[in-house]
Amino acid sequence: IRLAEEHADDIDLILSDVVMPEMNGRDLVNSIRSVCPDVGILFMSGHTANVIELDDIMGGEVNFLQKPFTTPALKAKVREVLNKEPSRELH
């Protein structure tokens, strides 16, 4: 979050796990979007249940990559997210 505040104009994409030790991915993204409103978001997780929960929270508008993933899969998904229109704040 601090880095986003310091480099807001330089960030095009956030790649975040859904579940983290001190903060979940949705909260992280909302904090970053307060300074980088148009940043692309790509969530990842090794747990399918996390995708279902994100879909419920976000109305099915989540960019998601299931772990484990290959480098070509990551590259393709990053390109897909970067080519999308900026999305709204996550609620």
N, C-alpha and C. Protein backbone atom coordinates (compact mmCIF):
# COMPACT_ATOMS: atom_id res chain seq x y z
N ILE A 1 0.84 -1.19 0.00
CA ILE A 1 0.00 0.00 0.00
C ILE A 1 0.88 1.25 0.00
N ARG A 2 1.93 1.20 0.80
CA ARG A 2 2.86 2.33 0.84
C ARG A 2 3.50 2.55 -0.52
N LEU A 3 3.92 1.49 -1.16
CA LEU A 3 4.52 1.61 -2.49
C LEU A 3 3.52 2.15 -3.51
N ALA A 4 2.27 1.76 -3.39
CA ALA A 4 1.24 2.29 -4.30
C ALA A 4 1.08 3.79 -4.08
N GLU A 5 1.12 4.22 -2.86
CA GLU A 5 1.02 5.65 -2.56
C GLU A 5 2.20 6.42 -3.13
N GLU A 6 3.38 5.83 -3.07
CA GLU A 6 4.59 6.50 -3.54
C GLU A 6 4.76 6.44 -5.06
N HIS A 7 4.13 5.44 -5.71
CA HIS A 7 4.34 5.23 -7.15
C HIS A 7 3.02 5.07 -7.89
N ALA A 8 2.01 5.81 -7.49
CA ALA A 8 0.66 5.63 -8.02
C ALA A 8 0.60 5.69 -9.55
N ASP A 9 1.36 6.55 -10.17
CA ASP A 9 1.31 6.70 -11.62
C ASP A 9 2.05 5.60 -12.38
N ASP A 10 2.81 4.78 -11.66
CA ASP A 10 3.64 3.77 -12.31
C ASP A 10 3.06 2.36 -12.24
N ILE A 11 1.93 2.17 -11.57
CA ILE A 11 1.38 0.83 -11.35
C ILE A 11 0.25 0.57 -12.33
N ASP A 12 0.38 -0.51 -13.11
CA ASP A 12 -0.64 -0.90 -14.07
C ASP A 12 -1.46 -2.09 -13.59
N LEU A 13 -0.87 -2.94 -12.74
CA LEU A 13 -1.52 -4.19 -12.37
C LEU A 13 -1.13 -4.59 -10.94
N ILE A 14 -2.11 -5.06 -10.20
CA ILE A 14 -1.87 -5.68 -8.89
C ILE A 14 -2.19 -7.15 -9.03
N LEU A 15 -1.24 -8.00 -8.69
CA LEU A 15 -1.44 -9.45 -8.64
C LEU A 15 -1.44 -9.82 -7.17
N SER A 16 -2.57 -10.29 -6.67
CA SER A 16 -2.71 -10.54 -5.24
C SER A 16 -3.35 -11.88 -4.97
N ASP A 17 -2.87 -12.54 -3.95
CA ASP A 17 -3.54 -13.72 -3.46
C ASP A 17 -4.85 -13.28 -2.83
N VAL A 18 -5.81 -14.16 -2.77
CA VAL A 18 -7.09 -13.84 -2.15
C VAL A 18 -6.96 -13.82 -0.63
N VAL A 19 -6.24 -14.80 -0.09
CA VAL A 19 -6.08 -14.94 1.36
C VAL A 19 -4.63 -14.67 1.72
N MET A 20 -4.43 -13.74 2.67
CA MET A 20 -3.09 -13.40 3.14
C MET A 20 -3.13 -13.32 4.67
N PRO A 21 -1.98 -13.33 5.31
CA PRO A 21 -1.94 -13.38 6.78
C PRO A 21 -2.63 -12.21 7.50
N GLU A 22 -2.45 -10.99 7.04
CA GLU A 22 -2.96 -9.85 7.80
C GLU A 22 -4.09 -9.11 7.10
N MET A 23 -4.34 -9.40 5.83
CA MET A 23 -5.34 -8.66 5.07
C MET A 23 -5.78 -9.54 3.91
N ASN A 24 -7.06 -9.46 3.55
CA ASN A 24 -7.48 -10.24 2.39
C ASN A 24 -7.26 -9.42 1.11
N GLY A 25 -7.30 -10.09 -0.01
CA GLY A 25 -7.02 -9.43 -1.28
C GLY A 25 -7.98 -8.30 -1.61
N ARG A 26 -9.25 -8.46 -1.27
CA ARG A 26 -10.24 -7.41 -1.55
C ARG A 26 -9.90 -6.13 -0.80
N ASP A 27 -9.54 -6.26 0.50
CA ASP A 27 -9.19 -5.07 1.28
C ASP A 27 -7.92 -4.41 0.75
N LEU A 28 -6.95 -5.23 0.36
CA LEU A 28 -5.72 -4.68 -0.22
C LEU A 28 -6.03 -3.88 -1.48
N VAL A 29 -6.83 -4.45 -2.35
CA VAL A 29 -7.17 -3.79 -3.60
C VAL A 29 -7.93 -2.49 -3.35
N ASN A 30 -8.88 -2.49 -2.44
CA ASN A 30 -9.62 -1.26 -2.15
C ASN A 30 -8.70 -0.18 -1.60
N SER A 31 -7.72 -0.55 -0.79
CA SER A 31 -6.76 0.43 -0.28
C SER A 31 -5.91 0.99 -1.41
N ILE A 32 -5.45 0.14 -2.29
CA ILE A 32 -4.61 0.58 -3.40
C ILE A 32 -5.43 1.40 -4.40
N ARG A 33 -6.66 1.00 -4.63
CA ARG A 33 -7.50 1.74 -5.59
C ARG A 33 -7.83 3.15 -5.10
N SER A 34 -7.67 3.41 -3.80
CA SER A 34 -7.91 4.77 -3.32
C SER A 34 -6.87 5.74 -3.87
N VAL A 35 -5.68 5.23 -4.24
CA VAL A 35 -4.64 6.08 -4.83
C VAL A 35 -4.37 5.73 -6.30
N CYS A 36 -4.76 4.56 -6.73
CA CYS A 36 -4.58 4.11 -8.12
C CYS A 36 -5.92 3.57 -8.62
N PRO A 37 -6.88 4.44 -8.90
CA PRO A 37 -8.24 3.98 -9.20
C PRO A 37 -8.38 3.12 -10.46
N ASP A 38 -7.49 3.25 -11.41
CA ASP A 38 -7.63 2.52 -12.67
C ASP A 38 -6.72 1.30 -12.78
N VAL A 39 -6.07 0.93 -11.70
CA VAL A 39 -5.13 -0.19 -11.73
C VAL A 39 -5.88 -1.49 -12.03
N GLY A 40 -5.25 -2.35 -12.84
CA GLY A 40 -5.81 -3.67 -13.11
C GLY A 40 -5.60 -4.57 -11.92
N ILE A 41 -6.52 -5.50 -11.72
CA ILE A 41 -6.46 -6.40 -10.57
C ILE A 41 -6.56 -7.83 -11.06
N LEU A 42 -5.65 -8.66 -10.59
CA LEU A 42 -5.69 -10.09 -10.87
C LEU A 42 -5.48 -10.84 -9.56
N PHE A 43 -6.51 -11.58 -9.15
CA PHE A 43 -6.42 -12.40 -7.95
C PHE A 43 -5.96 -13.79 -8.30
N MET A 44 -5.31 -14.44 -7.33
CA MET A 44 -4.91 -15.83 -7.49
C MET A 44 -5.18 -16.56 -6.18
N SER A 45 -5.40 -17.86 -6.27
CA SER A 45 -5.59 -18.67 -5.08
C SER A 45 -5.47 -20.13 -5.45
N GLY A 46 -5.12 -20.92 -4.48
CA GLY A 46 -5.07 -22.36 -4.65
C GLY A 46 -6.34 -23.03 -4.18
N HIS A 47 -7.29 -22.24 -3.71
CA HIS A 47 -8.52 -22.78 -3.13
C HIS A 47 -9.73 -22.33 -3.95
N THR A 48 -10.44 -23.26 -4.54
CA THR A 48 -11.60 -22.95 -5.36
C THR A 48 -12.66 -22.19 -4.58
N ALA A 49 -12.82 -22.48 -3.30
CA ALA A 49 -13.83 -21.80 -2.49
C ALA A 49 -13.59 -20.29 -2.46
N ASN A 50 -12.33 -19.87 -2.55
CA ASN A 50 -12.02 -18.44 -2.55
C ASN A 50 -12.60 -17.75 -3.79
N VAL A 51 -12.63 -18.44 -4.91
CA VAL A 51 -13.19 -17.87 -6.13
C VAL A 51 -14.69 -17.68 -5.97
N ILE A 52 -15.35 -18.66 -5.41
CA ILE A 52 -16.79 -18.57 -5.20
C ILE A 52 -17.11 -17.40 -4.28
N GLU A 53 -16.34 -17.23 -3.21
CA GLU A 53 -16.54 -16.12 -2.29
C GLU A 53 -16.30 -14.78 -2.99
N LEU A 54 -15.24 -14.66 -3.78
CA LEU A 54 -14.97 -13.43 -4.51
C LEU A 54 -16.08 -13.12 -5.50
N ASP A 55 -16.56 -14.13 -6.21
CA ASP A 55 -17.65 -13.92 -7.16
C ASP A 55 -18.89 -13.38 -6.45
N ASP A 56 -19.18 -13.90 -5.27
CA ASP A 56 -20.33 -13.42 -4.49
C ASP A 56 -20.14 -11.97 -4.08
N ILE A 57 -18.95 -11.63 -3.59
CA ILE A 57 -18.67 -10.28 -3.11
C ILE A 57 -18.68 -9.29 -4.27
N MET A 58 -18.15 -9.69 -5.41
CA MET A 58 -17.94 -8.77 -6.52
C MET A 58 -18.96 -8.91 -7.65
N GLY A 59 -19.94 -9.73 -7.48
CA GLY A 59 -20.94 -9.88 -8.53
C GLY A 59 -20.42 -10.56 -9.78
N GLY A 60 -19.43 -11.43 -9.64
CA GLY A 60 -18.90 -12.17 -10.78
C GLY A 60 -17.94 -11.41 -11.66
N GLU A 61 -17.42 -10.28 -11.21
CA GLU A 61 -16.53 -9.47 -12.04
C GLU A 61 -15.06 -9.62 -11.65
N VAL A 62 -14.68 -10.77 -11.18
CA VAL A 62 -13.32 -10.97 -10.69
C VAL A 62 -12.41 -11.53 -11.78
N ASN A 63 -11.19 -11.00 -11.84
CA ASN A 63 -10.14 -11.58 -12.68
C ASN A 63 -9.39 -12.54 -11.78
N PHE A 64 -9.36 -13.80 -12.15
CA PHE A 64 -8.83 -14.83 -11.26
C PHE A 64 -7.97 -15.83 -12.01
N LEU A 65 -6.91 -16.28 -11.33
CA LEU A 65 -6.03 -17.32 -11.85
C LEU A 65 -5.86 -18.37 -10.77
N GLN A 66 -6.22 -19.61 -11.10
CA GLN A 66 -6.13 -20.72 -10.15
C GLN A 66 -4.69 -21.20 -10.01
N LYS A 67 -4.20 -21.36 -8.78
CA LYS A 67 -2.89 -21.95 -8.54
C LYS A 67 -3.03 -23.47 -8.55
N PRO A 68 -2.02 -24.19 -8.92
CA PRO A 68 -0.80 -23.70 -9.55
C PRO A 68 -1.08 -23.34 -11.01
N PHE A 69 -0.29 -22.41 -11.52
CA PHE A 69 -0.45 -22.00 -12.91
C PHE A 69 0.90 -21.99 -13.59
N THR A 70 0.87 -22.04 -14.91
CA THR A 70 2.10 -22.03 -15.69
C THR A 70 2.47 -20.59 -16.04
N THR A 71 3.69 -20.39 -16.45
CA THR A 71 4.11 -19.06 -16.89
C THR A 71 3.29 -18.58 -18.09
N PRO A 72 3.04 -19.42 -19.09
CA PRO A 72 2.20 -18.96 -20.21
C PRO A 72 0.77 -18.58 -19.76
N ALA A 73 0.21 -19.32 -18.81
CA ALA A 73 -1.13 -18.99 -18.31
C ALA A 73 -1.12 -17.65 -17.59
N LEU A 74 -0.08 -17.41 -16.79
CA LEU A 74 0.04 -16.12 -16.09
C LEU A 74 0.19 -14.99 -17.10
N LYS A 75 1.03 -15.18 -18.09
CA LYS A 75 1.26 -14.16 -19.11
C LYS A 75 -0.04 -13.83 -19.84
N ALA A 76 -0.79 -14.84 -20.22
CA ALA A 76 -2.04 -14.63 -20.95
C ALA A 76 -3.07 -13.90 -20.09
N LYS A 77 -3.16 -14.27 -18.82
CA LYS A 77 -4.15 -13.64 -17.95
C LYS A 77 -3.76 -12.19 -17.65
N VAL A 78 -2.49 -11.93 -17.44
CA VAL A 78 -2.02 -10.56 -17.22
C VAL A 78 -2.36 -9.71 -18.44
N ARG A 79 -2.09 -10.20 -19.62
CA ARG A 79 -2.40 -9.46 -20.85
C ARG A 79 -3.90 -9.20 -20.95
N GLU A 80 -4.70 -10.20 -20.63
CA GLU A 80 -6.16 -10.05 -20.66
C GLU A 80 -6.62 -8.93 -19.72
N VAL A 81 -6.10 -8.93 -18.50
CA VAL A 81 -6.51 -7.92 -17.52
C VAL A 81 -6.04 -6.54 -17.94
N LEU A 82 -4.82 -6.43 -18.43
CA LEU A 82 -4.31 -5.13 -18.84
C LEU A 82 -5.07 -4.56 -20.04
N ASN A 83 -5.65 -5.41 -20.85
CA ASN A 83 -6.40 -4.96 -22.02
C ASN A 83 -7.84 -4.60 -21.71
N LYS A 84 -8.31 -4.90 -20.50
CA LYS A 84 -9.69 -4.57 -20.11
C LYS A 84 -9.81 -3.11 -19.73
N GLU A 85 -11.04 -2.65 -19.76
CA GLU A 85 -11.35 -1.30 -19.26
C GLU A 85 -11.16 -1.28 -17.75
N PRO A 86 -10.81 -0.12 -17.16
CA PRO A 86 -10.72 -0.03 -15.71
C PRO A 86 -12.05 -0.45 -15.07
N SER A 87 -11.94 -1.17 -13.97
CA SER A 87 -13.15 -1.64 -13.30
C SER A 87 -13.45 -0.83 -12.06
N ARG A 88 -14.61 -1.07 -11.51
CA ARG A 88 -15.05 -0.28 -10.36
C ARG A 88 -14.45 -0.79 -9.06
N GLU A 89 -14.68 -0.03 -7.98
CA GLU A 89 -14.18 -0.42 -6.67
C GLU A 89 -14.84 -1.72 -6.24
N LEU A 90 -14.10 -2.53 -5.52
CA LEU A 90 -14.62 -3.82 -5.02
C LEU A 90 -15.39 -3.57 -3.74
N HIS A 91 -16.59 -4.11 -3.64
CA HIS A 91 -17.41 -3.92 -2.42
C HIS A 91 -17.57 -5.21 -1.68
